[in-house]
C-alpha atoms as a PDB file:
ATOM      1  CA  MET A   1      80.514 -29.275 -56.126  1.00  0.00           C
ATOM      2  CA  ASP A   2      80.452 -33.107 -55.990  1.00  0.00           C
ATOM      3  CA  THR A   3      84.218 -33.288 -56.485  1.00  0.00           C
ATOM      4  CA  ILE A   4      84.867 -30.577 -53.892  1.00  0.00           C
ATOM      5  CA  VAL A   5      82.696 -32.309 -51.284  1.00  0.00           C
ATOM      6  CA  GLN A   6      84.330 -35.677 -51.966  1.00  0.00           C
ATOM      7  CA  SER A   7      87.799 -34.111 -51.746  1.00  0.00           C
ATOM      8  CA  SER A   8      86.763 -32.589 -48.423  1.00  0.00           C
ATOM      9  CA  VAL A   9      85.692 -36.013 -47.141  1.00  0.00           C
ATOM     10  CA  VAL A  10      89.051 -37.503 -48.177  1.00  0.00           C
ATOM     11  CA  LEU A  11      90.938 -34.786 -46.317  1.00  0.00           C
ATOM     12  CA  ASN A  12      88.762 -35.121 -43.214  1.00  0.00           C
ATOM     13  CA  LEU A  13      89.326 -38.882 -43.057  1.00  0.00           C
ATOM     14  CA  SER A  14      93.040 -38.252 -43.473  1.00  0.00           C
ATOM     15  CA  ARG A  15      92.888 -36.342 -40.175  1.00  0.00           C
ATOM     16  CA  ARG A  16      91.789 -39.423 -38.226  1.00  0.00           C
ATOM     17  CA  PRO A  17      94.296 -40.580 -35.575  1.00  0.00           C
ATOM     18  CA  ALA A  18      95.528 -43.513 -37.702  1.00  0.00           C
ATOM     19  CA  THR A  19      94.675 -43.137 -41.390  1.00  0.00           C
ATOM     20  CA  VAL A  20      95.106 -46.195 -43.631  1.00  0.00           C
ATOM     21  CA  ARG A  21      95.690 -45.708 -47.361  1.00  0.00           C
ATOM     22  CA  THR A  22      95.121 -48.597 -49.742  1.00  0.00           C
ATOM     23  CA  GLY A  23      95.042 -48.130 -53.503  1.00  0.00           C
ATOM     24  CA  PRO A  24      92.458 -45.471 -54.423  1.00  0.00           C
ATOM     25  CA  PHE A  25      90.909 -45.467 -50.927  1.00  0.00           C
ATOM     26  CA  VAL A  26      91.455 -43.701 -47.622  1.00  0.00           C
ATOM     27  CA  ILE A  27      90.275 -45.379 -44.411  1.00  0.00           C
ATOM     28  CA  GLY A  28      89.682 -43.072 -41.482  1.00  0.00           C
ATOM     29  CA  TRP A  29      90.627 -45.235 -38.507  1.00  0.00           C
ATOM     30  CA  ASP A  30      90.308 -44.302 -34.849  1.00  0.00           C
ATOM     31  CA  PRO A  31      91.765 -46.990 -32.549  1.00  0.00           C
ATOM     32  CA  THR A  32      89.771 -45.657 -29.571  1.00  0.00           C
ATOM     33  CA  THR A  33      86.358 -46.613 -30.984  1.00  0.00           C
ATOM     34  CA  ASP A  34      84.827 -49.339 -33.128  1.00  0.00           C
ATOM     35  CA  SER A  35      81.969 -47.080 -34.268  1.00  0.00           C
ATOM     36  CA  ARG A  36      81.103 -47.702 -37.897  1.00  0.00           C
ATOM     37  CA  PHE A  37      80.288 -44.022 -38.245  1.00  0.00           C
ATOM     38  CA  VAL A  38      83.832 -43.034 -37.280  1.00  0.00           C
ATOM     39  CA  ASN A  39      85.785 -45.825 -38.986  1.00  0.00           C
ATOM     40  CA  TYR A  40      84.986 -45.928 -42.696  1.00  0.00           C
ATOM     41  CA  ALA A  41      86.585 -45.471 -46.102  1.00  0.00           C
ATOM     42  CA  THR A  42      86.074 -43.213 -49.082  1.00  0.00           C
ATOM     43  CA  PRO A  43      87.548 -43.214 -52.610  1.00  0.00           C
ATOM     44  CA  LEU A  44      89.761 -40.561 -54.128  1.00  0.00           C
ATOM     45  CA  PRO A  45      87.521 -38.602 -56.523  1.00  0.00           C
ATOM     46  CA  GLY A  46      87.853 -39.733 -60.121  1.00  0.00           C
ATOM     47  CA  ALA A  47      90.303 -42.562 -59.361  1.00  0.00           C
ATOM     48  CA  ALA A  48      90.207 -45.752 -61.436  1.00  0.00           C
ATOM     49  CA  ILE A  49      89.022 -48.605 -59.193  1.00  0.00           C
ATOM     50  CA  THR A  50      89.164 -52.359 -59.808  1.00  0.00           C
ATOM     51  CA  ALA A  51      87.758 -55.445 -58.099  1.00  0.00           C
ATOM     52  CA  ASN A  52      91.267 -56.141 -56.806  1.00  0.00           C
ATOM     53  CA  ASP A  53      91.313 -52.680 -55.185  1.00  0.00           C
ATOM     54  CA  VAL A  54      88.082 -53.560 -53.377  1.00  0.00           C
ATOM     55  CA  ALA A  55      89.533 -56.882 -52.177  1.00  0.00           C
ATOM     56  CA  GLU A  56      92.591 -55.069 -50.837  1.00  0.00           C
ATOM     57  CA  LEU A  57      90.325 -52.545 -49.111  1.00  0.00           C
ATOM     58  CA  VAL A  58      88.449 -55.340 -47.328  1.00  0.00           C
ATOM     59  CA  ALA A  59      91.771 -56.861 -46.249  1.00  0.00           C
ATOM     60  CA  ALA A  60      92.928 -53.478 -44.935  1.00  0.00           C
ATOM     61  CA  PHE A  61      89.809 -53.189 -42.783  1.00  0.00           C
ATOM     62  CA  GLY A  62      90.516 -56.676 -41.473  1.00  0.00           C
ATOM     63  CA  SER A  63      94.042 -55.676 -40.506  1.00  0.00           C
ATOM     64  CA  VAL A  64      92.669 -52.978 -38.187  1.00  0.00           C
ATOM     65  CA  GLU A  65      89.714 -55.121 -37.055  1.00  0.00           C
ATOM     66  CA  ARG A  66      87.013 -52.802 -38.321  1.00  0.00           C
ATOM     67  CA  LEU A  67      83.863 -53.379 -40.369  1.00  0.00           C
ATOM     68  CA  PRO A  68      84.438 -52.685 -44.095  1.00  0.00           C
ATOM     69  CA  ARG A  69      82.287 -49.644 -44.775  1.00  0.00           C
ATOM     70  CA  LEU A  70      82.299 -46.670 -47.162  1.00  0.00           C
ATOM     71  CA  GLU A  71      80.633 -43.287 -47.472  1.00  0.00           C
ATOM     72  CA  TYR A  72      81.102 -41.311 -50.679  1.00  0.00           C
ATOM     73  CA  VAL A  73      79.622 -38.981 -53.299  1.00  0.00           C
ATOM     74  CA  THR A  74      78.338 -41.374 -55.940  1.00  0.00           C
ATOM     75  CA  SER A  75      79.206 -39.292 -59.010  1.00  0.00           C
ATOM     76  CA  CYS A  76      82.890 -39.289 -57.999  1.00  0.00           C
ATOM     77  CA  ALA A  77      83.169 -43.078 -58.345  1.00  0.00           C
ATOM     78  CA  PRO A  78      80.339 -44.137 -60.683  1.00  0.00           C
ATOM     79  CA  GLY A  79      81.401 -47.779 -61.092  1.00  0.00           C
ATOM     80  CA  LEU A  80      82.288 -48.433 -57.465  1.00  0.00           C
ATOM     81  CA  GLU A  81      78.858 -49.443 -56.205  1.00  0.00           C
ATOM     82  CA  ARG A  82      78.688 -52.363 -58.647  1.00  0.00           C
ATOM     83  CA  LEU A  83      82.126 -53.583 -57.576  1.00  0.00           C
ATOM     84  CA  LEU A  84      81.144 -53.370 -53.911  1.00  0.00           C
ATOM     85  CA  LEU A  85      77.855 -55.204 -54.432  1.00  0.00           C
ATOM     86  CA  ASP A  86      79.682 -57.952 -56.322  1.00  0.00           C
ATOM     87  CA  ALA A  87      82.028 -58.254 -53.324  1.00  0.00           C
ATOM     88  CA  GLY A  88      79.093 -58.822 -50.948  1.00  0.00           C
ATOM     89  CA  PHE A  89      78.505 -55.292 -49.657  1.00  0.00           C
ATOM     90  CA  THR A  90      74.950 -54.122 -48.974  1.00  0.00           C
ATOM     91  CA  VAL A  91      73.580 -50.598 -49.221  1.00  0.00           C
ATOM     92  CA  GLU A  92      72.835 -48.928 -45.884  1.00  0.00           C
ATOM     93  CA  ALA A  93      71.420 -45.662 -47.175  1.00  0.00           C
ATOM     94  CA  ARG A  94      71.261 -43.324 -50.134  1.00  0.00           C
ATOM     95  CA  ASN A  95      71.255 -39.729 -48.960  1.00  0.00           C
ATOM     96  CA  GLU A  96      71.072 -36.400 -50.680  1.00  0.00           C
ATOM     97  CA  TYR A  97      73.484 -33.816 -49.370  1.00  0.00           C
ATOM     98  CA  LEU A  98      72.765 -30.108 -49.080  1.00  0.00           C
ATOM     99  CA  THR A  99      75.168 -27.174 -49.150  1.00  0.00           C
ATOM    100  CA  CYS A 100      75.173 -23.677 -47.684  1.00  0.00           C
ATOM    101  CA  SER A 101      77.353 -20.602 -48.171  1.00  0.00           C
ATOM    102  CA  PRO A 102      77.799 -17.435 -46.116  1.00  0.00           C
ATOM    103  CA  ARG A 103      75.595 -15.729 -48.694  1.00  0.00           C
ATOM    104  CA  THR A 104      72.672 -18.166 -48.352  1.00  0.00           C
ATOM    105  CA  LEU A 105      72.811 -18.750 -44.565  1.00  0.00           C
ATOM    106  CA  ARG A 106      69.771 -17.410 -42.737  1.00  0.00           C
ATOM    107  CA  THR A 107      69.308 -16.594 -39.082  1.00  0.00           C
ATOM    108  CA  ALA A 108      67.086 -18.890 -37.026  1.00  0.00           C
ATOM    109  CA  ALA A 109      65.279 -17.679 -33.927  1.00  0.00           C
ATOM    110  CA  GLU A 110      66.448 -19.262 -30.675  1.00  0.00           C
ATOM    111  CA  PRO A 111      63.445 -20.703 -28.786  1.00  0.00           C
ATOM    112  CA  ALA A 112      62.589 -19.283 -25.380  1.00  0.00           C
ATOM    113  CA  GLY A 113      63.632 -21.349 -22.393  1.00  0.00           C
ATOM    114  CA  VAL A 114      66.711 -22.803 -24.095  1.00  0.00           C
ATOM    115  CA  GLU A 115      70.252 -21.451 -24.058  1.00  0.00           C
ATOM    116  CA  PHE A 116      72.795 -22.036 -26.810  1.00  0.00           C
ATOM    117  CA  GLY A 117      76.572 -21.991 -26.659  1.00  0.00           C
ATOM    118  CA  GLU A 118      79.870 -23.784 -27.224  1.00  0.00           C
ATOM    119  CA  PRO A 119      81.257 -26.177 -24.594  1.00  0.00           C
ATOM    120  CA  THR A 120      84.577 -25.168 -23.078  1.00  0.00           C
ATOM    121  CA  THR A 121      84.965 -27.818 -20.363  1.00  0.00           C
ATOM    122  CA  ASP A 122      85.045 -31.616 -20.490  1.00  0.00           C
ATOM    123  CA  GLU A 123      81.902 -31.722 -18.358  1.00  0.00           C
ATOM    124  CA  GLU A 124      80.069 -29.617 -20.937  1.00  0.00           C
ATOM    125  CA  ARG A 125      81.428 -31.706 -23.815  1.00  0.00           C
ATOM    126  CA  ALA A 126      80.236 -34.886 -22.106  1.00  0.00           C
ATOM    127  CA  GLY A 127      76.803 -33.343 -21.604  1.00  0.00           C
ATOM    128  CA  VAL A 128      76.464 -32.483 -25.287  1.00  0.00           C
ATOM    129  CA  VAL A 129      77.615 -35.888 -26.543  1.00  0.00           C
ATOM    130  CA  THR A 130      75.360 -37.741 -24.094  1.00  0.00           C
ATOM    131  CA  ALA A 131      72.383 -35.664 -25.265  1.00  0.00           C
ATOM    132  CA  GLN A 132      73.251 -36.408 -28.903  1.00  0.00           C
ATOM    133  CA  ASN A 133      73.477 -40.125 -28.110  1.00  0.00           C
ATOM    134  CA  ALA A 134      70.058 -40.021 -26.451  1.00  0.00           C
ATOM    135  CA  ALA A 135      68.564 -38.187 -29.414  1.00  0.00           C
ATOM    136  CA  PHE A 136      69.861 -40.909 -31.736  1.00  0.00           C
ATOM    137  CA  GLY A 137      68.359 -43.647 -29.564  1.00  0.00           C
ATOM    138  CA  SER A 138      71.373 -44.644 -27.469  1.00  0.00           C
ATOM    139  CA  ALA A 139      71.572 -44.649 -23.685  1.00  0.00           C
ATOM    140  CA  ASP A 140      75.370 -44.436 -23.786  1.00  0.00           C
ATOM    141  CA  VAL A 141      76.916 -41.819 -21.530  1.00  0.00           C
ATOM    142  CA  ALA A 142      79.897 -40.033 -23.068  1.00  0.00           C
ATOM    143  CA  GLY A 143      83.164 -41.501 -21.810  1.00  0.00           C
ATOM    144  CA  PRO A 144      86.696 -40.068 -21.664  1.00  0.00           C
ATOM    145  CA  ASP A 145      87.516 -41.198 -25.229  1.00  0.00           C
ATOM    146  CA  ASP A 146      84.372 -39.517 -26.579  1.00  0.00           C
ATOM    147  CA  VAL A 147      85.209 -36.293 -24.776  1.00  0.00           C
ATOM    148  CA  ALA A 148      88.825 -36.395 -25.949  1.00  0.00           C
ATOM    149  CA  ARG A 149      87.706 -36.947 -29.554  1.00  0.00           C
ATOM    150  CA  ILE A 150      85.366 -33.952 -29.456  1.00  0.00           C
ATOM    151  CA  HIS A 151      87.934 -31.762 -27.714  1.00  0.00           C
ATOM    152  CA  GLN A 152      90.497 -32.643 -30.396  1.00  0.00           C
ATOM    153  CA  ALA A 153      87.978 -31.768 -33.104  1.00  0.00           C
ATOM    154  CA  GLN A 154      87.582 -28.333 -31.503  1.00  0.00           C
ATOM    155  CA  ARG A 155      91.346 -27.845 -31.254  1.00  0.00           C
ATOM    156  CA  ASP A 156      91.672 -28.784 -34.926  1.00  0.00           C
ATOM    157  CA  GLY A 157      89.278 -25.995 -35.912  1.00  0.00           C
ATOM    158  CA  GLY A 158      85.911 -27.704 -35.659  1.00  0.00           C
ATOM    159  CA  VAL A 159      82.920 -26.203 -33.860  1.00  0.00           C
ATOM    160  CA  LEU A 160      80.635 -27.909 -31.333  1.00  0.00           C
ATOM    161  CA  VAL A 161      77.473 -26.190 -30.112  1.00  0.00           C
ATOM    162  CA  TYR A 162      74.873 -27.168 -27.544  1.00  0.00           C
ATOM    163  CA  ALA A 163      71.290 -26.460 -26.590  1.00  0.00           C
ATOM    164  CA  ARG A 164      70.654 -26.528 -22.848  1.00  0.00           C
ATOM    165  CA  ASP A 165      67.497 -26.246 -20.781  1.00  0.00           C
ATOM    166  CA  LEU A 166      67.423 -23.532 -18.152  1.00  0.00           C
ATOM    167  CA  ASP A 167      67.627 -26.292 -15.524  1.00  0.00           C
ATOM    168  CA  GLY A 168      71.087 -27.149 -16.866  1.00  0.00           C
ATOM    169  CA  SER A 169      70.189 -30.352 -18.707  1.00  0.00           C
ATOM    170  CA  TYR A 170      71.545 -30.731 -22.235  1.00  0.00           C
ATOM    171  CA  VAL A 171      68.889 -31.206 -24.883  1.00  0.00           C
ATOM    172  CA  GLY A 172      70.905 -31.356 -28.114  1.00  0.00           C
ATOM    173  CA  GLY A 173      73.973 -30.435 -30.083  1.00  0.00           C
ATOM    174  CA  ALA A 174      75.644 -30.139 -33.481  1.00  0.00           C
ATOM    175  CA  LEU A 175      79.197 -30.396 -34.794  1.00  0.00           C
ATOM    176  CA  ALA A 176      80.954 -28.754 -37.746  1.00  0.00           C
ATOM    177  CA  THR A 177      84.274 -30.269 -38.794  1.00  0.00           C
ATOM    178  CA  ALA A 178      87.348 -28.154 -39.393  1.00  0.00           C
ATOM    179  CA  PRO A 179      87.244 -26.786 -42.957  1.00  0.00           C
ATOM    180  CA  ALA A 180      88.823 -29.043 -45.588  1.00  0.00           C
ATOM    181  CA  VAL A 181      89.178 -27.722 -49.141  1.00  0.00           C
ATOM    182  CA  GLY A 182      87.241 -24.755 -47.737  1.00  0.00           C
ATOM    183  CA  LEU A 183      84.245 -26.882 -46.741  1.00  0.00           C
ATOM    184  CA  SER A 184      82.992 -27.995 -43.341  1.00  0.00           C
ATOM    185  CA  GLU A 185      80.713 -30.967 -42.769  1.00  0.00           C
ATOM    186  CA  VAL A 186      77.903 -30.259 -40.318  1.00  0.00           C
ATOM    187  CA  THR A 187      76.951 -33.449 -38.527  1.00  0.00           C
ATOM    188  CA  GLY A 188      75.435 -34.852 -35.358  1.00  0.00           C
ATOM    189  CA  ILE A 189      72.526 -32.405 -35.359  1.00  0.00           C
ATOM    190  CA  ALA A 190      70.388 -33.921 -32.627  1.00  0.00           C
ATOM    191  CA  VAL A 191      67.637 -32.916 -30.204  1.00  0.00           C
ATOM    192  CA  ARG A 192      66.237 -35.138 -27.459  1.00  0.00           C
ATOM    193  CA  GLU A 193      62.683 -36.336 -28.020  1.00  0.00           C
ATOM    194  CA  PRO A 194      60.863 -34.178 -25.411  1.00  0.00           C
ATOM    195  CA  TYR A 195      62.325 -30.995 -26.924  1.00  0.00           C
ATOM    196  CA  ARG A 196      61.604 -31.565 -30.600  1.00  0.00           C
ATOM    197  CA  ARG A 197      59.418 -29.384 -32.830  1.00  0.00           C
ATOM    198  CA  ARG A 198      60.351 -26.227 -30.952  1.00  0.00           C
ATOM    199  CA  GLY A 199      62.850 -24.846 -33.463  1.00  0.00           C
ATOM    200  CA  ILE A 200      65.909 -26.088 -31.568  1.00  0.00           C
ATOM    201  CA  ALA A 201      67.343 -28.128 -34.456  1.00  0.00           C
ATOM    202  CA  GLY A 202      67.113 -25.139 -36.786  1.00  0.00           C
ATOM    203  CA  ALA A 203      68.759 -22.859 -34.242  1.00  0.00           C
ATOM    204  CA  LEU A 204      71.589 -25.371 -33.681  1.00  0.00           C
ATOM    205  CA  THR A 205      72.136 -25.771 -37.426  1.00  0.00           C
ATOM    206  CA  ALA A 206      72.223 -22.030 -38.065  1.00  0.00           C
ATOM    207  CA  LEU A 207      74.518 -21.391 -35.093  1.00  0.00           C
ATOM    208  CA  VAL A 208      77.102 -24.074 -35.867  1.00  0.00           C
ATOM    209  CA  THR A 209      77.129 -23.082 -39.545  1.00  0.00           C
ATOM    210  CA  ARG A 210      77.603 -19.400 -38.737  1.00  0.00           C
ATOM    211  CA  ARG A 211      80.388 -20.161 -36.293  1.00  0.00           C
ATOM    212  CA  VAL A 212      82.309 -22.339 -38.748  1.00  0.00           C
ATOM    213  CA  PHE A 213      81.979 -19.627 -41.403  1.00  0.00           C
ATOM    214  CA  GLU A 214      83.494 -17.229 -38.881  1.00  0.00           C
ATOM    215  CA  THR A 215      86.517 -19.548 -38.631  1.00  0.00           C
ATOM    216  CA  GLY A 216      87.128 -19.218 -42.368  1.00  0.00           C
ATOM    217  CA  ALA A 217      85.050 -21.931 -44.047  1.00  0.00           C
ATOM    218  CA  THR A 218      83.709 -20.873 -47.438  1.00  0.00           C
ATOM    219  CA  GLY A 219      80.922 -23.443 -47.456  1.00  0.00           C
ATOM    220  CA  ALA A 220      79.212 -26.132 -45.394  1.00  0.00           C
ATOM    221  CA  TRP A 221      77.424 -29.338 -46.250  1.00  0.00           C
ATOM    222  CA  LEU A 222      75.228 -31.850 -44.465  1.00  0.00           C
ATOM    223  CA  GLU A 223      72.889 -34.732 -45.141  1.00  0.00           C
ATOM    224  CA  ALA A 224      69.142 -34.894 -44.586  1.00  0.00           C
ATOM    225  CA  SER A 225      67.727 -38.202 -43.367  1.00  0.00           C
ATOM    226  CA  GLY A 226      64.041 -37.379 -43.817  1.00  0.00           C
ATOM    227  CA  ASP A 227      61.490 -34.790 -44.855  1.00  0.00           C
ATOM    228  CA  ASP A 228      61.382 -33.115 -41.436  1.00  0.00           C
ATOM    229  CA  SER A 229      65.124 -32.539 -41.261  1.00  0.00           C
ATOM    230  CA  TRP A 230      65.163 -31.534 -44.930  1.00  0.00           C
ATOM    231  CA  ARG A 231      62.746 -28.683 -44.215  1.00  0.00           C
ATOM    232  CA  VAL A 232      64.738 -27.581 -41.163  1.00  0.00           C
ATOM    233  CA  TYR A 233      67.947 -27.296 -43.179  1.00  0.00           C
ATOM    234  CA  GLU A 234      66.342 -25.546 -46.130  1.00  0.00           C
ATOM    235  CA  ARG A 235      64.872 -22.910 -43.819  1.00  0.00           C
ATOM    236  CA  VAL A 236      68.347 -21.888 -42.639  1.00  0.00           C
ATOM    237  CA  GLY A 237      69.798 -21.685 -46.146  1.00  0.00           C
ATOM    238  CA  TYR A 238      70.873 -25.172 -47.229  1.00  0.00           C
ATOM    239  CA  ALA A 239      69.979 -26.400 -50.730  1.00  0.00           C
ATOM    240  CA  PRO A 240      70.070 -29.925 -52.242  1.00  0.00           C
ATOM    241  CA  THR A 241      73.243 -30.446 -54.244  1.00  0.00           C
ATOM    242  CA  GLY A 242      74.224 -34.097 -54.768  1.00  0.00           C
ATOM    243  CA  LYS A 243      73.951 -37.724 -53.668  1.00  0.00           C
ATOM    244  CA  ARG A 244      75.972 -39.884 -51.283  1.00  0.00           C
ATOM    245  CA  LEU A 245      76.026 -43.617 -50.626  1.00  0.00           C
ATOM    246  CA  TYR A 246      76.532 -45.557 -47.369  1.00  0.00           C
ATOM    247  CA  ILE A 247      77.509 -49.188 -47.987  1.00  0.00           C
ATOM    248  CA  ALA A 248      79.015 -51.919 -45.785  1.00  0.00           C
ATOM    249  CA  LEU A 249      80.150 -55.545 -45.715  1.00  0.00           C
ATOM    250  CA  GLU A 250      78.384 -57.057 -42.713  1.00  0.00           C
END
């Protein structure tokens, strides 16, 4: 599964608006944003990698004026971390990823007083993204580029879902990327602080996973950032599968 997930990441980054390929790496580059979580690189699974390859990767990031940063499944490039550390990179996070299949997915109850759905207008897309930003600690309001990026993800086969209070305010959202090598990455699962611990995150996760399976994905994967989220994902059918590394050159 490690190789399949890493291959899926490579293909997803290759769908960025302006992909850069350098040696055994793919950089997913989006000229409309400098977000480190959008612009990053990943290695081809199983590729031989040298210190010179890393130096060329750093230079490639410089050519597009983005922070050198990678996310990858560690078992698919076992010697890479040492090369990156020697080049001055520092570890951001070590995460375990979890996977789910149509067979293991479980239904999650939708809490009373909250409605769930998929945005179909730019106003709705902006509402979801702004709620996700707030949940992750940012006061940023979604702009036209953010809305266009999400809309394109939907057109490409991805799925965006929202949770909305009955008063019309958006309280959270989740995104599943278009399937790549049969797999979809579920990301951006977020619920604003006042609405947490009501089962909304679990309902969002189950809904977006079910919807992406309905589009033809044979599996889904995501990362858990803490014990609370870990339990949420396990309850809807995700199981720990492998390890990923986030690492950057600040």
